[in-house]
């Protein structure tokens, strides 16, 4: 019986990159929430309500889009990858740049 060869999945590098971006955004959301907890316990000013709500929402959007990137192929995966990147850029611009 000849060995079965798997065809290499196209876009593996891009899937890895968008997965890392989505995971990084989720990690950032955890850090922001942790910083808010520390500030609350110490009585120091911390991140505002917009950051406390916006970061987890942005992370959830990126993680759901990344699921589509990982499980689909073709145009659906490409659009989902674009959503991950656009979501990350929007979160960084809205919450950190301004």
N, C-alpha and C. Protein backbone atom coordinates (compact mmCIF):
# COMPACT_ATOMS: atom_id res chain seq x y z
N UNK A 1 0.85 -1.17 0.00
CA UNK A 1 0.00 0.00 0.00
C UNK A 1 0.90 1.24 0.00
N UNK A 2 0.74 2.11 -0.99
CA UNK A 2 1.59 3.30 -1.06
C UNK A 2 1.21 4.31 0.04
N UNK A 3 2.20 5.05 0.52
CA UNK A 3 1.90 6.04 1.56
C UNK A 3 1.01 7.16 1.02
N UNK A 4 0.15 7.62 1.85
CA UNK A 4 -0.76 8.70 1.46
C UNK A 4 -0.06 10.03 1.73
N UNK A 5 0.06 10.81 0.69
CA UNK A 5 0.71 12.11 0.85
C UNK A 5 -0.34 13.19 1.06
N UNK A 6 -0.09 14.02 2.07
CA UNK A 6 -0.97 15.16 2.29
C UNK A 6 -0.50 16.31 1.43
N UNK A 7 -1.45 16.96 0.81
CA UNK A 7 -1.07 18.15 0.06
C UNK A 7 -0.85 19.28 1.06
N UNK A 8 0.19 20.07 0.87
CA UNK A 8 0.43 21.15 1.81
C UNK A 8 -0.70 22.17 1.74
N UNK A 9 -1.14 22.60 2.89
CA UNK A 9 -2.23 23.58 2.94
C UNK A 9 -1.71 24.93 2.51
N UNK A 10 -2.42 25.51 1.58
CA UNK A 10 -2.03 26.83 1.13
C UNK A 10 -2.37 27.84 2.22
N UNK A 11 -1.55 28.84 2.37
CA UNK A 11 -1.84 29.90 3.32
C UNK A 11 -1.47 29.58 4.74
N UNK A 12 -0.64 28.57 4.95
CA UNK A 12 -0.28 28.19 6.31
C UNK A 12 0.40 29.33 7.05
N UNK A 13 1.28 30.05 6.37
CA UNK A 13 1.99 31.17 7.00
C UNK A 13 1.01 32.26 7.40
N UNK A 14 0.07 32.57 6.49
CA UNK A 14 -0.92 33.62 6.76
C UNK A 14 -1.83 33.22 7.91
N UNK A 15 -2.23 31.95 7.95
CA UNK A 15 -3.07 31.46 9.05
C UNK A 15 -2.33 31.56 10.38
N UNK A 16 -1.07 31.26 10.37
CA UNK A 16 -0.28 31.37 11.59
C UNK A 16 -0.14 32.80 12.06
N UNK A 17 0.06 33.69 11.11
CA UNK A 17 0.19 35.10 11.45
C UNK A 17 -1.11 35.65 12.05
N UNK A 18 -2.23 35.39 11.38
CA UNK A 18 -3.50 35.90 11.90
C UNK A 18 -3.87 35.24 13.23
N UNK A 19 -3.50 33.99 13.40
CA UNK A 19 -3.73 33.32 14.68
C UNK A 19 -2.92 33.96 15.80
N UNK A 20 -1.69 34.31 15.49
CA UNK A 20 -0.86 34.99 16.49
C UNK A 20 -1.41 36.37 16.82
N UNK A 21 -1.92 37.07 15.81
CA UNK A 21 -2.50 38.39 16.06
C UNK A 21 -3.76 38.28 16.92
N UNK A 22 -4.61 37.30 16.63
CA UNK A 22 -5.83 37.11 17.42
C UNK A 22 -5.49 36.72 18.86
N UNK A 23 -4.52 35.83 19.03
CA UNK A 23 -4.13 35.42 20.38
C UNK A 23 -3.49 36.59 21.14
N UNK A 24 -2.71 37.40 20.44
CA UNK A 24 -2.11 38.57 21.08
C UNK A 24 -3.16 39.57 21.52
N UNK A 25 -4.19 39.75 20.72
CA UNK A 25 -5.28 40.66 21.09
C UNK A 25 -6.04 40.12 22.29
N UNK A 26 -6.23 38.82 22.36
CA UNK A 26 -6.88 38.22 23.53
C UNK A 26 -6.00 38.39 24.78
N UNK A 27 -4.71 38.20 24.61
CA UNK A 27 -3.79 38.42 25.73
C UNK A 27 -3.79 39.86 26.20
N UNK A 28 -3.86 40.79 25.27
CA UNK A 28 -3.91 42.20 25.62
C UNK A 28 -5.19 42.51 26.40
N UNK A 29 -6.30 41.90 26.02
CA UNK A 29 -7.56 42.10 26.74
C UNK A 29 -7.44 41.62 28.18
N UNK A 30 -6.79 40.47 28.38
CA UNK A 30 -6.59 39.95 29.74
C UNK A 30 -5.70 40.89 30.54
N UNK A 31 -4.66 41.42 29.92
CA UNK A 31 -3.76 42.35 30.61
C UNK A 31 -4.49 43.63 31.00
N UNK A 32 -5.30 44.17 30.11
CA UNK A 32 -6.05 45.40 30.42
C UNK A 32 -7.03 45.14 31.57
N UNK A 33 -7.72 44.01 31.54
CA UNK A 33 -8.64 43.68 32.63
C UNK A 33 -7.88 43.48 33.94
N UNK A 34 -6.72 42.85 33.88
CA UNK A 34 -5.90 42.68 35.09
C UNK A 34 -5.40 44.00 35.63
N UNK A 35 -5.00 44.91 34.73
CA UNK A 35 -4.55 46.23 35.17
C UNK A 35 -5.69 46.99 35.83
N UNK A 36 -6.90 46.86 35.30
CA UNK A 36 -8.06 47.52 35.91
C UNK A 36 -8.33 46.96 37.30
N UNK A 37 -8.17 45.67 37.48
CA UNK A 37 -8.37 45.05 38.79
C UNK A 37 -7.33 45.56 39.79
N UNK A 38 -6.08 45.62 39.37
CA UNK A 38 -5.03 46.13 40.25
C UNK A 38 -5.29 47.59 40.61
N UNK A 39 -5.68 48.38 39.64
CA UNK A 39 -5.98 49.79 39.91
C UNK A 39 -7.17 49.93 40.85
N UNK A 40 -8.16 49.05 40.70
CA UNK A 40 -9.32 49.08 41.58
C UNK A 40 -8.91 48.74 43.02
N UNK A 41 -8.06 47.75 43.19
CA UNK A 41 -7.62 47.34 44.52
C UNK A 41 -6.73 48.39 45.18
N UNK A 42 -5.94 49.11 44.38
CA UNK A 42 -5.04 50.11 44.92
C UNK A 42 -5.66 51.49 45.00
N UNK A 43 -6.82 51.65 44.44
CA UNK A 43 -7.47 52.96 44.44
C UNK A 43 -6.84 53.94 43.47
N UNK A 44 -6.13 53.45 42.48
CA UNK A 44 -5.47 54.29 41.49
C UNK A 44 -6.36 54.43 40.26
N UNK A 45 -6.18 55.51 39.51
CA UNK A 45 -6.95 55.61 38.26
C UNK A 45 -6.48 54.53 37.27
N UNK A 46 -7.41 53.97 36.58
CA UNK A 46 -7.07 52.89 35.66
C UNK A 46 -7.72 53.10 34.31
N UNK A 47 -7.75 52.06 33.51
CA UNK A 47 -8.37 52.18 32.18
C UNK A 47 -9.86 52.46 32.33
N UNK A 48 -10.39 53.21 31.40
CA UNK A 48 -11.79 53.58 31.44
C UNK A 48 -12.71 52.47 30.97
N UNK A 49 -13.99 52.76 31.05
CA UNK A 49 -15.00 51.77 30.67
C UNK A 49 -14.91 51.39 29.20
N UNK A 50 -14.54 52.35 28.35
CA UNK A 50 -14.44 52.05 26.92
C UNK A 50 -13.36 51.00 26.67
N UNK A 51 -12.23 51.14 27.34
CA UNK A 51 -11.15 50.14 27.17
C UNK A 51 -11.54 48.80 27.78
N UNK A 52 -12.23 48.83 28.92
CA UNK A 52 -12.60 47.58 29.59
C UNK A 52 -13.65 46.79 28.81
N UNK A 53 -14.47 47.48 28.06
CA UNK A 53 -15.46 46.79 27.23
C UNK A 53 -14.91 46.51 25.84
N UNK A 54 -14.19 47.47 25.29
CA UNK A 54 -13.72 47.37 23.92
C UNK A 54 -12.69 46.27 23.68
N UNK A 55 -11.75 46.10 24.60
CA UNK A 55 -10.72 45.08 24.38
C UNK A 55 -11.28 43.66 24.34
N UNK A 56 -12.12 43.26 25.30
CA UNK A 56 -12.68 41.90 25.18
C UNK A 56 -13.58 41.71 23.96
N UNK A 57 -14.31 42.75 23.57
CA UNK A 57 -15.15 42.64 22.38
C UNK A 57 -14.28 42.47 21.13
N UNK A 58 -13.22 43.27 21.03
CA UNK A 58 -12.31 43.15 19.88
C UNK A 58 -11.63 41.78 19.86
N UNK A 59 -11.25 41.28 21.04
CA UNK A 59 -10.62 39.96 21.11
C UNK A 59 -11.60 38.87 20.69
N UNK A 60 -12.84 38.97 21.12
CA UNK A 60 -13.84 37.96 20.74
C UNK A 60 -14.08 37.97 19.23
N UNK A 61 -14.16 39.15 18.65
CA UNK A 61 -14.36 39.24 17.19
C UNK A 61 -13.18 38.60 16.47
N UNK A 62 -11.96 38.90 16.91
CA UNK A 62 -10.78 38.35 16.27
C UNK A 62 -10.71 36.83 16.42
N UNK A 63 -11.07 36.31 17.58
CA UNK A 63 -11.01 34.86 17.78
C UNK A 63 -12.07 34.12 16.97
N UNK A 64 -13.26 34.70 16.85
CA UNK A 64 -14.29 34.07 16.02
C UNK A 64 -13.88 34.10 14.55
N UNK A 65 -13.34 35.23 14.10
CA UNK A 65 -12.88 35.31 12.71
C UNK A 65 -11.73 34.32 12.47
N UNK A 66 -10.87 34.15 13.46
CA UNK A 66 -9.75 33.22 13.30
C UNK A 66 -10.24 31.78 13.17
N UNK A 67 -11.34 31.46 13.82
CA UNK A 67 -11.93 30.13 13.64
C UNK A 67 -12.29 29.88 12.18
N UNK A 68 -12.84 30.90 11.53
CA UNK A 68 -13.17 30.77 10.11
C UNK A 68 -11.89 30.64 9.27
N UNK A 69 -10.86 31.37 9.65
CA UNK A 69 -9.58 31.27 8.92
C UNK A 69 -9.04 29.85 9.01
N UNK A 70 -9.11 29.27 10.20
CA UNK A 70 -8.55 27.93 10.42
C UNK A 70 -9.38 26.81 9.79
N UNK A 71 -10.68 26.99 9.72
CA UNK A 71 -11.54 25.89 9.30
C UNK A 71 -12.04 25.97 7.86
N UNK A 72 -11.85 27.09 7.23
CA UNK A 72 -12.32 27.25 5.84
C UNK A 72 -11.14 27.48 4.92
N UNK A 73 -11.41 27.45 3.65
CA UNK A 73 -10.40 27.76 2.64
C UNK A 73 -11.01 28.70 1.62
N UNK A 74 -10.15 29.29 0.82
CA UNK A 74 -10.62 30.15 -0.25
C UNK A 74 -11.02 31.54 0.21
N UNK A 75 -12.00 32.12 -0.46
CA UNK A 75 -12.39 33.51 -0.18
C UNK A 75 -12.90 33.72 1.24
N UNK A 76 -13.60 32.72 1.79
CA UNK A 76 -14.11 32.87 3.15
C UNK A 76 -12.97 33.03 4.14
N UNK A 77 -11.94 32.21 4.00
CA UNK A 77 -10.78 32.30 4.88
C UNK A 77 -10.03 33.62 4.67
N UNK A 78 -9.94 34.07 3.44
CA UNK A 78 -9.25 35.32 3.16
C UNK A 78 -9.98 36.51 3.77
N UNK A 79 -11.29 36.53 3.65
CA UNK A 79 -12.07 37.62 4.25
C UNK A 79 -11.96 37.58 5.77
N UNK A 80 -12.04 36.39 6.34
CA UNK A 80 -11.91 36.26 7.79
C UNK A 80 -10.53 36.71 8.27
N UNK A 81 -9.50 36.40 7.51
CA UNK A 81 -8.15 36.87 7.87
C UNK A 81 -8.08 38.39 7.81
N UNK A 82 -8.73 38.97 6.81
CA UNK A 82 -8.79 40.43 6.73
C UNK A 82 -9.54 41.03 7.91
N UNK A 83 -10.57 40.34 8.38
CA UNK A 83 -11.31 40.81 9.56
C UNK A 83 -10.41 40.80 10.79
N UNK A 84 -9.61 39.75 10.94
CA UNK A 84 -8.69 39.69 12.09
C UNK A 84 -7.73 40.86 12.06
N UNK A 85 -7.12 41.10 10.92
CA UNK A 85 -6.15 42.20 10.80
C UNK A 85 -6.83 43.55 11.00
N UNK A 86 -7.98 43.75 10.38
CA UNK A 86 -8.69 45.03 10.52
C UNK A 86 -9.15 45.25 11.95
N UNK A 87 -9.59 44.19 12.61
CA UNK A 87 -10.01 44.29 14.00
C UNK A 87 -8.84 44.68 14.90
N UNK A 88 -7.71 44.08 14.68
CA UNK A 88 -6.52 44.40 15.46
C UNK A 88 -6.10 45.85 15.25
N UNK A 89 -6.05 46.27 14.01
CA UNK A 89 -5.67 47.65 13.70
C UNK A 89 -6.66 48.64 14.32
N UNK A 90 -7.95 48.34 14.21
CA UNK A 90 -8.96 49.23 14.78
C UNK A 90 -8.82 49.31 16.29
N UNK A 91 -8.59 48.18 16.95
CA UNK A 91 -8.44 48.19 18.41
C UNK A 91 -7.21 48.99 18.82
N UNK A 92 -6.12 48.80 18.14
CA UNK A 92 -4.90 49.53 18.50
C UNK A 92 -5.05 51.02 18.25
N UNK A 93 -5.66 51.38 17.14
CA UNK A 93 -5.83 52.81 16.83
C UNK A 93 -6.82 53.46 17.80
N UNK A 94 -7.95 52.80 18.02
CA UNK A 94 -8.98 53.41 18.87
C UNK A 94 -8.59 53.47 20.34
N UNK A 95 -7.94 52.41 20.85
CA UNK A 95 -7.69 52.34 22.29
C UNK A 95 -6.30 52.80 22.69
N UNK A 96 -5.35 52.80 21.79
CA UNK A 96 -3.98 53.11 22.18
C UNK A 96 -3.41 54.34 21.48
N UNK A 97 -3.86 54.63 20.28
CA UNK A 97 -3.28 55.74 19.56
C UNK A 97 -3.94 57.05 19.96
N UNK A 98 -5.26 57.05 20.15
CA UNK A 98 -5.96 58.28 20.50
C UNK A 98 -6.21 58.35 21.97
